[in-house]
N, C-alpha and C. Protein backbone atom coordinates (compact mmCIF):
# COMPACT_ATOMS: atom_id res chain seq x y z
N ALA A 1 24.78 2.97 17.50
CA ALA A 1 23.55 3.70 17.73
C ALA A 1 23.21 4.51 16.49
N ASN A 2 21.90 4.63 16.22
CA ASN A 2 21.46 5.44 15.08
C ASN A 2 21.67 6.91 15.37
N LEU A 3 22.14 7.64 14.37
CA LEU A 3 22.32 9.08 14.51
C LEU A 3 21.39 9.80 13.55
N GLU A 4 20.23 9.20 13.30
CA GLU A 4 19.23 9.82 12.46
C GLU A 4 17.86 9.28 12.85
N PHE A 5 16.80 9.97 12.39
CA PHE A 5 15.45 9.55 12.67
C PHE A 5 14.87 8.86 11.45
N ARG A 6 14.04 7.86 11.70
CA ARG A 6 13.34 7.17 10.63
C ARG A 6 11.87 7.58 10.68
N VAL A 7 11.19 7.56 9.51
CA VAL A 7 9.80 7.98 9.46
C VAL A 7 8.93 6.86 8.94
N GLY A 8 7.65 6.90 9.29
CA GLY A 8 6.71 5.89 8.86
C GLY A 8 5.77 6.42 7.81
N ALA A 9 4.85 5.55 7.36
CA ALA A 9 3.96 5.93 6.27
C ALA A 9 2.69 6.61 6.77
N THR A 10 2.27 6.31 8.00
CA THR A 10 0.99 6.83 8.48
C THR A 10 1.09 8.25 9.01
N GLU A 11 2.22 8.63 9.53
CA GLU A 11 2.44 10.00 9.96
C GLU A 11 3.93 10.27 9.87
N ALA A 12 4.33 11.53 9.86
CA ALA A 12 5.73 11.87 9.62
C ALA A 12 6.66 11.08 10.54
N THR A 13 6.27 10.90 11.78
CA THR A 13 7.04 10.08 12.71
C THR A 13 6.07 9.11 13.37
N SER A 14 6.35 7.82 13.30
CA SER A 14 5.39 6.83 13.76
C SER A 14 5.63 6.36 15.18
N SER A 15 6.75 6.76 15.79
CA SER A 15 7.04 6.35 17.16
C SER A 15 8.04 7.32 17.78
N ILE A 16 8.19 7.22 19.12
CA ILE A 16 9.17 8.04 19.81
C ILE A 16 10.56 7.51 19.48
N GLN A 17 11.45 8.38 19.03
CA GLN A 17 12.81 7.99 18.69
C GLN A 17 13.78 8.98 19.33
N ALA A 18 15.01 8.52 19.54
CA ALA A 18 16.00 9.42 20.15
C ALA A 18 17.41 8.95 19.82
N PHE A 19 18.33 9.90 19.81
CA PHE A 19 19.76 9.58 19.78
C PHE A 19 20.50 10.68 20.49
N LYS A 20 21.73 10.39 20.88
CA LYS A 20 22.52 11.35 21.66
C LYS A 20 23.76 11.78 20.90
N LEU A 21 24.06 13.07 21.05
CA LEU A 21 25.32 13.65 20.61
C LEU A 21 25.95 14.26 21.85
N PRO A 22 27.25 14.55 21.83
CA PRO A 22 27.88 15.12 23.03
C PRO A 22 27.14 16.35 23.55
N GLY A 23 26.60 16.24 24.75
CA GLY A 23 25.92 17.36 25.38
C GLY A 23 24.49 17.55 24.96
N LEU A 24 23.99 16.74 24.02
CA LEU A 24 22.63 16.90 23.51
C LEU A 24 21.91 15.57 23.41
N THR A 25 20.65 15.56 23.72
CA THR A 25 19.80 14.41 23.46
C THR A 25 18.68 14.86 22.53
N TRP A 26 18.62 14.25 21.34
CA TRP A 26 17.61 14.61 20.35
C TRP A 26 16.47 13.60 20.43
N VAL A 27 15.26 14.09 20.59
CA VAL A 27 14.09 13.22 20.66
C VAL A 27 13.11 13.63 19.57
N ASP A 28 12.66 12.64 18.79
CA ASP A 28 11.69 12.90 17.73
C ASP A 28 10.39 12.19 18.10
N SER A 29 9.29 12.92 18.03
CA SER A 29 8.00 12.33 18.40
C SER A 29 6.95 12.68 17.36
N PRO A 30 5.83 11.92 17.34
CA PRO A 30 4.76 12.20 16.38
C PRO A 30 4.01 13.49 16.67
N GLY A 31 4.26 14.13 17.79
CA GLY A 31 3.56 15.37 18.12
C GLY A 31 2.61 15.17 19.28
N LEU A 32 2.12 16.27 19.82
CA LEU A 32 1.24 16.21 20.98
C LEU A 32 -0.08 15.53 20.67
N HIS A 33 -0.52 15.64 19.42
CA HIS A 33 -1.81 15.08 19.04
C HIS A 33 -1.62 13.98 17.99
N SER A 34 -0.81 13.01 18.35
CA SER A 34 -0.51 11.89 17.47
C SER A 34 -1.76 11.08 17.17
N VAL A 35 -1.78 10.42 16.01
CA VAL A 35 -2.88 9.52 15.68
C VAL A 35 -2.87 8.32 16.61
N ASN A 36 -1.74 8.08 17.26
CA ASN A 36 -1.62 7.02 18.27
C ASN A 36 -1.65 7.68 19.65
N PRO A 37 -2.74 7.50 20.41
CA PRO A 37 -2.88 8.18 21.72
C PRO A 37 -1.71 7.92 22.67
N GLU A 38 -1.17 6.70 22.67
CA GLU A 38 -0.05 6.39 23.56
C GLU A 38 1.17 7.22 23.20
N ASN A 39 1.43 7.37 21.89
CA ASN A 39 2.55 8.20 21.46
C ASN A 39 2.33 9.66 21.83
N GLY A 40 1.08 10.11 21.71
CA GLY A 40 0.76 11.49 22.07
C GLY A 40 1.02 11.77 23.54
N ASP A 41 0.61 10.84 24.39
CA ASP A 41 0.83 11.00 25.84
C ASP A 41 2.32 11.00 26.16
N LEU A 42 3.07 10.10 25.51
CA LEU A 42 4.51 10.03 25.75
C LEU A 42 5.20 11.29 25.25
N ALA A 43 4.72 11.81 24.11
CA ALA A 43 5.29 13.04 23.56
C ALA A 43 5.13 14.19 24.55
N LYS A 44 3.96 14.27 25.20
CA LYS A 44 3.72 15.33 26.18
C LYS A 44 4.72 15.27 27.33
N LYS A 45 5.06 14.04 27.75
CA LYS A 45 6.01 13.88 28.85
C LYS A 45 7.40 14.37 28.43
N TYR A 46 7.80 14.06 27.19
CA TYR A 46 9.09 14.54 26.70
C TYR A 46 9.09 16.06 26.57
N VAL A 47 7.98 16.61 26.09
CA VAL A 47 7.88 18.06 25.91
C VAL A 47 8.04 18.78 27.25
N GLU A 48 7.48 18.22 28.31
CA GLU A 48 7.55 18.85 29.63
C GLU A 48 8.99 19.09 30.06
N HIS A 49 9.90 18.22 29.65
CA HIS A 49 11.30 18.31 30.09
C HIS A 49 12.24 18.82 29.01
N ALA A 50 11.70 19.17 27.85
CA ALA A 50 12.54 19.63 26.74
C ALA A 50 13.00 21.07 26.96
N ASP A 51 14.25 21.35 26.63
CA ASP A 51 14.78 22.70 26.71
C ASP A 51 14.45 23.51 25.45
N LEU A 52 14.31 22.81 24.33
CA LEU A 52 14.02 23.48 23.06
C LEU A 52 13.19 22.55 22.18
N ILE A 53 12.15 23.11 21.57
CA ILE A 53 11.30 22.36 20.65
C ILE A 53 11.59 22.81 19.23
N LEU A 54 11.99 21.89 18.36
CA LEU A 54 12.11 22.18 16.94
C LEU A 54 10.82 21.71 16.29
N TYR A 55 9.97 22.65 15.94
CA TYR A 55 8.66 22.30 15.38
C TYR A 55 8.73 22.40 13.85
N THR A 56 8.49 21.27 13.19
CA THR A 56 8.58 21.24 11.73
C THR A 56 7.20 21.35 11.10
N MET A 57 7.15 22.08 10.00
CA MET A 57 5.94 22.16 9.18
C MET A 57 6.38 22.18 7.72
N THR A 58 5.59 21.58 6.86
CA THR A 58 5.98 21.46 5.47
C THR A 58 5.80 22.76 4.70
N SER A 59 6.73 23.02 3.80
CA SER A 59 6.66 24.21 2.96
C SER A 59 5.47 24.14 2.01
N GLY A 60 4.96 22.91 1.79
CA GLY A 60 3.81 22.75 0.92
C GLY A 60 2.53 23.29 1.53
N ALA A 61 2.48 23.39 2.87
CA ALA A 61 1.29 23.90 3.55
C ALA A 61 1.69 24.50 4.89
N PRO A 62 2.46 25.58 4.89
CA PRO A 62 2.88 26.19 6.16
C PRO A 62 1.72 26.90 6.85
N GLY A 63 1.70 26.84 8.16
CA GLY A 63 0.68 27.56 8.90
C GLY A 63 -0.67 26.89 8.92
N ARG A 64 -0.68 25.53 8.84
CA ARG A 64 -1.96 24.83 8.94
C ARG A 64 -2.56 25.04 10.33
N GLU A 65 -3.87 24.96 10.42
CA GLU A 65 -4.56 25.20 11.68
C GLU A 65 -4.08 24.25 12.77
N SER A 66 -3.88 22.97 12.41
CA SER A 66 -3.43 21.98 13.40
C SER A 66 -2.05 22.33 13.93
N ASP A 67 -1.18 22.82 13.04
CA ASP A 67 0.17 23.23 13.47
C ASP A 67 0.08 24.44 14.40
N LEU A 68 -0.72 25.41 14.01
CA LEU A 68 -0.83 26.64 14.81
C LEU A 68 -1.33 26.34 16.22
N LYS A 69 -2.27 25.43 16.34
CA LYS A 69 -2.82 25.08 17.66
C LYS A 69 -1.74 24.42 18.52
N GLU A 70 -0.94 23.53 17.92
CA GLU A 70 0.11 22.87 18.68
C GLU A 70 1.18 23.87 19.11
N ILE A 71 1.55 24.77 18.21
CA ILE A 71 2.56 25.79 18.54
C ILE A 71 2.06 26.68 19.67
N ALA A 72 0.78 27.08 19.58
CA ALA A 72 0.19 27.91 20.63
C ALA A 72 0.22 27.19 21.97
N GLU A 73 -0.06 25.89 21.95
CA GLU A 73 -0.05 25.10 23.18
C GLU A 73 1.36 25.04 23.78
N LEU A 74 2.36 24.85 22.92
CA LEU A 74 3.74 24.79 23.39
C LEU A 74 4.18 26.12 24.01
N ILE A 75 3.80 27.21 23.37
CA ILE A 75 4.19 28.53 23.87
C ILE A 75 3.49 28.82 25.20
N ARG A 76 2.23 28.40 25.32
CA ARG A 76 1.52 28.58 26.59
C ARG A 76 2.18 27.78 27.71
N MET A 77 2.85 26.68 27.33
CA MET A 77 3.57 25.86 28.31
C MET A 77 4.90 26.50 28.70
N GLY A 78 5.22 27.63 28.05
CA GLY A 78 6.47 28.31 28.36
C GLY A 78 7.68 27.72 27.67
N LYS A 79 7.45 26.97 26.58
CA LYS A 79 8.55 26.32 25.89
C LYS A 79 9.22 27.22 24.87
N ARG A 80 10.53 27.07 24.74
CA ARG A 80 11.29 27.76 23.69
C ARG A 80 11.08 26.98 22.42
N VAL A 81 10.52 27.63 21.38
CA VAL A 81 10.16 26.95 20.14
C VAL A 81 10.92 27.56 18.96
N LEU A 82 11.44 26.70 18.11
CA LEU A 82 12.09 27.11 16.87
C LEU A 82 11.31 26.47 15.73
N LEU A 83 10.71 27.29 14.86
CA LEU A 83 9.88 26.77 13.78
C LEU A 83 10.72 26.52 12.53
N LEU A 84 10.58 25.31 11.97
CA LEU A 84 11.31 24.93 10.77
C LEU A 84 10.32 24.64 9.64
N ILE A 85 10.42 25.41 8.55
CA ILE A 85 9.60 25.15 7.37
C ILE A 85 10.43 24.25 6.46
N THR A 86 10.12 22.96 6.50
CA THR A 86 10.94 21.98 5.79
C THR A 86 10.49 21.83 4.33
N GLY A 87 11.34 21.19 3.54
CA GLY A 87 11.02 20.97 2.13
C GLY A 87 10.95 22.26 1.34
N SER A 88 11.77 23.25 1.72
CA SER A 88 11.74 24.55 1.04
C SER A 88 12.58 24.51 -0.24
N ASP A 89 12.34 23.48 -1.04
CA ASP A 89 13.08 23.31 -2.29
C ASP A 89 12.10 23.14 -3.45
N ASP A 90 12.63 23.10 -4.64
CA ASP A 90 11.82 22.97 -5.85
C ASP A 90 12.69 22.32 -6.91
N THR A 91 12.15 22.07 -8.06
CA THR A 91 12.95 21.59 -9.18
C THR A 91 12.99 22.67 -10.25
N GLY A 92 14.16 22.85 -10.81
CA GLY A 92 14.33 23.88 -11.83
C GLY A 92 15.68 23.75 -12.48
N PHE A 93 16.07 24.76 -13.19
CA PHE A 93 17.34 24.71 -13.93
C PHE A 93 18.49 25.22 -13.06
N SER A 94 19.62 24.51 -13.15
CA SER A 94 20.82 24.87 -12.41
C SER A 94 22.03 24.63 -13.31
N VAL A 95 23.17 25.12 -12.88
CA VAL A 95 24.41 24.92 -13.64
C VAL A 95 25.30 23.98 -12.85
N ASN A 96 25.72 22.86 -13.49
CA ASN A 96 26.57 21.90 -12.80
C ASN A 96 28.04 22.31 -12.87
N ASP A 97 28.93 21.49 -12.31
CA ASP A 97 30.35 21.82 -12.25
C ASP A 97 30.99 21.93 -13.64
N ALA A 98 30.37 21.29 -14.61
CA ALA A 98 30.91 21.34 -15.98
C ALA A 98 30.39 22.54 -16.75
N GLY A 99 29.58 23.37 -16.09
CA GLY A 99 29.04 24.55 -16.76
C GLY A 99 27.81 24.26 -17.59
N GLU A 100 27.25 23.07 -17.43
CA GLU A 100 26.07 22.68 -18.21
C GLU A 100 24.80 23.05 -17.44
N VAL A 101 23.80 23.49 -18.20
CA VAL A 101 22.50 23.80 -17.59
C VAL A 101 21.72 22.50 -17.47
N VAL A 102 21.33 22.15 -16.24
CA VAL A 102 20.64 20.88 -16.00
C VAL A 102 19.39 21.14 -15.16
N TYR A 103 18.48 20.18 -15.23
CA TYR A 103 17.27 20.22 -14.42
C TYR A 103 17.59 19.55 -13.09
N ALA A 104 17.47 20.28 -12.00
CA ALA A 104 17.93 19.74 -10.72
C ALA A 104 17.11 20.31 -9.57
N LEU A 105 17.39 19.79 -8.37
CA LEU A 105 16.76 20.29 -7.16
C LEU A 105 17.38 21.64 -6.81
N ILE A 106 16.55 22.64 -6.61
CA ILE A 106 17.02 23.97 -6.25
C ILE A 106 16.22 24.47 -5.04
N MET A 107 16.71 25.49 -4.39
CA MET A 107 15.97 26.08 -3.27
C MET A 107 14.88 27.01 -3.80
N LYS A 108 13.80 27.12 -3.05
CA LYS A 108 12.77 28.10 -3.41
C LYS A 108 13.37 29.49 -3.31
N GLU A 109 12.83 30.41 -4.07
CA GLU A 109 13.35 31.77 -4.09
C GLU A 109 13.31 32.39 -2.69
N PRO A 110 14.33 33.20 -2.34
CA PRO A 110 14.34 33.85 -1.01
C PRO A 110 13.06 34.59 -0.70
N ALA A 111 12.48 35.26 -1.70
CA ALA A 111 11.24 36.01 -1.48
C ALA A 111 10.10 35.07 -1.11
N THR A 112 10.07 33.89 -1.72
CA THR A 112 9.03 32.90 -1.42
C THR A 112 9.20 32.38 0.00
N ARG A 113 10.45 32.09 0.38
CA ARG A 113 10.71 31.60 1.73
C ARG A 113 10.32 32.66 2.77
N LYS A 114 10.68 33.90 2.51
CA LYS A 114 10.34 34.97 3.45
C LYS A 114 8.83 35.15 3.56
N LYS A 115 8.14 35.04 2.43
CA LYS A 115 6.68 35.19 2.42
C LYS A 115 6.03 34.10 3.26
N GLN A 116 6.55 32.88 3.17
CA GLN A 116 6.00 31.78 3.96
C GLN A 116 6.26 31.98 5.45
N GLN A 117 7.45 32.46 5.78
CA GLN A 117 7.77 32.72 7.18
C GLN A 117 6.83 33.77 7.76
N GLU A 118 6.62 34.85 6.99
CA GLU A 118 5.74 35.94 7.44
C GLU A 118 4.30 35.45 7.56
N HIS A 119 3.90 34.57 6.66
CA HIS A 119 2.54 34.02 6.70
C HIS A 119 2.31 33.26 8.01
N VAL A 120 3.28 32.43 8.40
CA VAL A 120 3.16 31.65 9.64
C VAL A 120 3.03 32.59 10.84
N LEU A 121 3.88 33.60 10.89
CA LEU A 121 3.84 34.55 12.02
C LEU A 121 2.53 35.34 12.05
N ASN A 122 2.05 35.71 10.87
CA ASN A 122 0.78 36.45 10.80
C ASN A 122 -0.38 35.58 11.28
N GLU A 123 -0.36 34.30 10.91
CA GLU A 123 -1.43 33.39 11.34
C GLU A 123 -1.38 33.18 12.85
N LEU A 124 -0.19 33.15 13.42
CA LEU A 124 -0.07 33.03 14.87
C LEU A 124 -0.62 34.27 15.56
N SER A 125 -0.38 35.43 14.96
CA SER A 125 -0.91 36.68 15.52
C SER A 125 -2.43 36.67 15.56
N LYS A 126 -3.04 36.06 14.56
CA LYS A 126 -4.50 36.03 14.48
C LYS A 126 -5.13 35.23 15.62
N ILE A 127 -4.35 34.28 16.18
CA ILE A 127 -4.88 33.51 17.31
C ILE A 127 -4.22 33.95 18.62
N ASN A 128 -3.73 35.19 18.60
CA ASN A 128 -3.19 35.84 19.81
C ASN A 128 -2.00 35.10 20.42
N VAL A 129 -1.11 34.61 19.57
CA VAL A 129 0.11 33.96 20.05
C VAL A 129 1.25 34.96 19.99
N ASN A 130 1.92 35.15 21.11
CA ASN A 130 3.06 36.07 21.16
C ASN A 130 4.27 35.41 20.51
N HIS A 131 4.65 35.88 19.33
CA HIS A 131 5.76 35.27 18.60
C HIS A 131 6.98 36.21 18.57
N GLN A 132 7.07 37.09 19.55
CA GLN A 132 8.16 38.07 19.58
C GLN A 132 9.53 37.41 19.57
N HIS A 133 9.66 36.30 20.29
CA HIS A 133 10.96 35.63 20.38
C HIS A 133 10.98 34.32 19.60
N LEU A 134 10.09 34.21 18.62
CA LEU A 134 9.97 32.98 17.84
C LEU A 134 10.78 33.10 16.55
N ASP A 135 11.70 32.17 16.34
CA ASP A 135 12.50 32.13 15.12
C ASP A 135 11.85 31.19 14.12
N VAL A 136 11.83 31.59 12.84
CA VAL A 136 11.31 30.75 11.77
C VAL A 136 12.39 30.59 10.71
N ILE A 137 12.71 29.34 10.37
CA ILE A 137 13.77 29.05 9.41
C ILE A 137 13.22 28.17 8.29
N SER A 138 13.44 28.57 7.06
CA SER A 138 13.09 27.74 5.90
C SER A 138 14.31 26.93 5.51
N LEU A 139 14.13 25.62 5.33
CA LEU A 139 15.29 24.79 5.00
C LEU A 139 14.90 23.58 4.16
N SER A 140 15.92 22.98 3.57
CA SER A 140 15.75 21.74 2.82
C SER A 140 16.92 20.82 3.16
N ALA A 141 16.62 19.78 3.93
CA ALA A 141 17.66 18.82 4.30
C ALA A 141 18.15 18.06 3.07
N ARG A 142 17.26 17.82 2.13
CA ARG A 142 17.65 17.10 0.91
C ARG A 142 18.61 17.94 0.07
N PHE A 143 18.33 19.23 -0.07
CA PHE A 143 19.22 20.11 -0.82
C PHE A 143 20.58 20.21 -0.13
N ALA A 144 20.56 20.28 1.20
CA ALA A 144 21.81 20.35 1.97
C ALA A 144 22.62 19.08 1.78
N GLN A 145 21.95 17.94 1.80
CA GLN A 145 22.65 16.66 1.62
C GLN A 145 23.25 16.56 0.22
N ASN A 146 22.52 17.04 -0.78
CA ASN A 146 23.02 17.00 -2.16
C ASN A 146 24.19 17.95 -2.38
N ASN A 147 24.32 18.97 -1.53
CA ASN A 147 25.35 20.00 -1.73
C ASN A 147 26.24 20.17 -0.50
N GLN A 148 26.49 19.08 0.22
CA GLN A 148 27.24 19.18 1.47
C GLN A 148 28.69 19.62 1.27
N LEU A 149 29.22 19.49 0.06
CA LEU A 149 30.59 19.93 -0.20
C LEU A 149 30.65 21.33 -0.80
N ASN A 150 29.49 21.92 -1.03
CA ASN A 150 29.40 23.28 -1.59
C ASN A 150 28.95 24.20 -0.46
N SER A 151 29.87 24.96 0.12
CA SER A 151 29.56 25.75 1.31
C SER A 151 28.46 26.79 1.05
N ALA A 152 28.49 27.42 -0.13
CA ALA A 152 27.49 28.45 -0.44
C ALA A 152 26.10 27.82 -0.56
N ALA A 153 26.03 26.68 -1.26
CA ALA A 153 24.75 26.00 -1.44
C ALA A 153 24.25 25.44 -0.11
N PHE A 154 25.17 24.91 0.70
CA PHE A 154 24.78 24.37 2.00
C PHE A 154 24.19 25.47 2.88
N LEU A 155 24.81 26.65 2.84
CA LEU A 155 24.30 27.78 3.61
C LEU A 155 22.91 28.18 3.10
N ASP A 156 22.72 28.16 1.78
CA ASP A 156 21.45 28.54 1.18
C ASP A 156 20.35 27.54 1.53
N SER A 157 20.74 26.30 1.89
CA SER A 157 19.77 25.27 2.23
C SER A 157 19.01 25.59 3.50
N GLY A 158 19.55 26.51 4.30
CA GLY A 158 18.92 26.84 5.57
C GLY A 158 19.52 26.08 6.74
N MET A 159 20.27 25.02 6.44
CA MET A 159 20.87 24.22 7.51
C MET A 159 21.93 25.02 8.26
N GLY A 160 22.67 25.85 7.51
CA GLY A 160 23.68 26.69 8.16
C GLY A 160 23.05 27.66 9.14
N VAL A 161 21.91 28.25 8.75
CA VAL A 161 21.19 29.17 9.63
C VAL A 161 20.67 28.42 10.85
N LEU A 162 20.19 27.20 10.64
CA LEU A 162 19.70 26.38 11.75
C LEU A 162 20.82 26.12 12.76
N PHE A 163 21.98 25.68 12.26
CA PHE A 163 23.10 25.38 13.15
C PHE A 163 23.56 26.63 13.90
N GLU A 164 23.61 27.76 13.19
CA GLU A 164 24.02 29.01 13.82
C GLU A 164 23.04 29.42 14.91
N THR A 165 21.75 29.25 14.63
CA THR A 165 20.72 29.59 15.62
C THR A 165 20.84 28.70 16.85
N LEU A 166 21.07 27.41 16.63
CA LEU A 166 21.21 26.47 17.74
C LEU A 166 22.42 26.83 18.60
N VAL A 167 23.52 27.21 17.95
CA VAL A 167 24.72 27.61 18.69
C VAL A 167 24.44 28.86 19.52
N ASN A 168 23.77 29.84 18.92
CA ASN A 168 23.46 31.08 19.64
C ASN A 168 22.55 30.81 20.84
N ILE A 169 21.55 29.94 20.63
CA ILE A 169 20.65 29.59 21.73
C ILE A 169 21.43 28.91 22.84
N ASN A 170 22.31 28.00 22.47
CA ASN A 170 23.09 27.26 23.45
C ASN A 170 24.00 28.19 24.25
N GLN A 171 24.65 29.12 23.54
CA GLN A 171 25.59 30.02 24.21
C GLN A 171 24.88 31.06 25.07
N SER A 172 23.74 31.55 24.58
CA SER A 172 23.05 32.62 25.31
C SER A 172 22.15 32.09 26.41
N GLU A 173 21.61 30.88 26.21
CA GLU A 173 20.63 30.35 27.15
C GLU A 173 21.10 29.09 27.86
N GLY A 174 22.20 28.51 27.40
CA GLY A 174 22.65 27.23 27.96
C GLY A 174 22.87 27.27 29.45
N ILE A 175 23.56 28.30 29.94
CA ILE A 175 23.85 28.40 31.38
C ILE A 175 22.56 28.60 32.15
N LYS A 176 21.67 29.45 31.63
CA LYS A 176 20.39 29.69 32.31
C LYS A 176 19.57 28.41 32.38
N ILE A 177 19.55 27.65 31.28
CA ILE A 177 18.80 26.40 31.25
C ILE A 177 19.32 25.43 32.30
N LYS A 178 20.66 25.29 32.38
CA LYS A 178 21.24 24.38 33.36
C LYS A 178 20.92 24.83 34.78
N ARG A 179 20.91 26.14 35.00
CA ARG A 179 20.61 26.67 36.33
C ARG A 179 19.14 26.43 36.70
N ASP A 180 18.27 26.48 35.67
CA ASP A 180 16.84 26.35 35.93
C ASP A 180 16.37 24.90 36.03
N VAL A 181 17.19 23.96 35.56
CA VAL A 181 16.76 22.55 35.54
C VAL A 181 16.38 22.03 36.92
N PRO A 182 17.21 22.24 37.98
CA PRO A 182 16.82 21.71 39.29
C PRO A 182 15.47 22.23 39.79
N ILE A 183 15.23 23.54 39.64
CA ILE A 183 13.97 24.08 40.12
C ILE A 183 12.79 23.58 39.29
N LYS A 184 13.01 23.37 37.97
CA LYS A 184 11.95 22.84 37.12
C LYS A 184 11.63 21.41 37.53
N ASN A 185 12.67 20.62 37.78
CA ASN A 185 12.45 19.24 38.19
C ASN A 185 11.71 19.18 39.52
N PHE A 186 12.07 20.09 40.45
CA PHE A 186 11.42 20.12 41.75
C PHE A 186 9.94 20.51 41.59
N ASN A 187 9.69 21.50 40.72
CA ASN A 187 8.31 21.91 40.46
C ASN A 187 7.49 20.77 39.86
N ASN A 188 8.13 20.02 38.92
CA ASN A 188 7.45 18.87 38.32
C ASN A 188 7.13 17.81 39.37
N PHE A 189 8.08 17.62 40.31
CA PHE A 189 7.87 16.66 41.39
C PHE A 189 6.69 17.08 42.27
N LEU A 190 6.67 18.35 42.62
CA LEU A 190 5.57 18.86 43.46
C LEU A 190 4.22 18.74 42.74
N GLN A 191 4.23 19.07 41.44
CA GLN A 191 2.98 18.98 40.68
C GLN A 191 2.51 17.54 40.60
N SER A 192 3.47 16.61 40.46
CA SER A 192 3.12 15.19 40.43
C SER A 192 2.50 14.75 41.75
N CYS A 193 3.07 15.24 42.85
CA CYS A 193 2.51 14.91 44.17
C CYS A 193 1.09 15.44 44.31
N ILE A 194 0.89 16.68 43.85
CA ILE A 194 -0.43 17.29 43.95
C ILE A 194 -1.46 16.53 43.11
N ASP A 195 -1.03 16.12 41.90
CA ASP A 195 -1.96 15.48 40.97
C ASP A 195 -2.22 14.01 41.30
N LYS A 196 -1.18 13.30 41.80
CA LYS A 196 -1.30 11.84 41.93
C LYS A 196 -1.26 11.32 43.36
N GLN A 197 -0.51 11.99 44.24
CA GLN A 197 -0.32 11.46 45.59
C GLN A 197 -1.32 12.00 46.61
N LEU A 198 -1.72 13.26 46.47
CA LEU A 198 -2.57 13.89 47.47
C LEU A 198 -4.07 13.57 47.35
N PRO A 199 -4.62 13.36 46.15
CA PRO A 199 -6.06 13.12 46.03
C PRO A 199 -6.62 12.07 46.98
N PRO A 200 -5.96 10.92 47.21
CA PRO A 200 -6.54 9.94 48.17
C PRO A 200 -6.73 10.53 49.57
N PHE A 201 -5.84 11.43 49.98
CA PHE A 201 -5.94 12.02 51.30
C PHE A 201 -7.10 13.02 51.38
N TYR A 202 -7.42 13.63 50.24
CA TYR A 202 -8.56 14.54 50.22
C TYR A 202 -9.85 13.78 50.60
N GLU A 203 -9.95 12.56 50.09
CA GLU A 203 -11.14 11.76 50.36
C GLU A 203 -11.24 11.39 51.83
N ILE A 204 -10.07 11.13 52.45
CA ILE A 204 -10.04 10.78 53.88
C ILE A 204 -10.49 11.97 54.72
N ILE A 205 -9.99 13.16 54.34
CA ILE A 205 -10.34 14.37 55.08
C ILE A 205 -11.83 14.68 54.90
């Protein structure tokens, strides 16, 4: 089984994809408003049952209007959302293991990453989105992959913060989520009955 997601040329993710790890099922979708209507509808169904949404936005254009609208929609649905500003890297000078100064992939300055995070939160405030419990993480998967044996660099990539946040969410909310699943499923069942099963009877009455 694949333990990674593949991307297409027309949009960041061209189809619904998934893989499983112990205790977790990861689902990647083109988003609620996919260029493919069928994918968009399927994404909505997955979102309804998701315990946590990892919403990615590019560091090249964080806080786009389309992103903000989708995030607002997810929060209105009562979803736990974790915002990831991806591609938070740049090219510049670095020192290699031999002590040589080389031109290489580096992380964006901490001040730049913080400024982008604050910008996203400020833009959400402008459209009246409550982001009190919203986490924003700047990261670079490519930088992390290039420095997977360097613990300090890996931590600076943002991936360490992501993993730590996921662990904290799992430990603090995992039991509550499991307890709430049956009632959520029952509510979804009732809503389905109201939306799809009862209308024909209304016409009879």
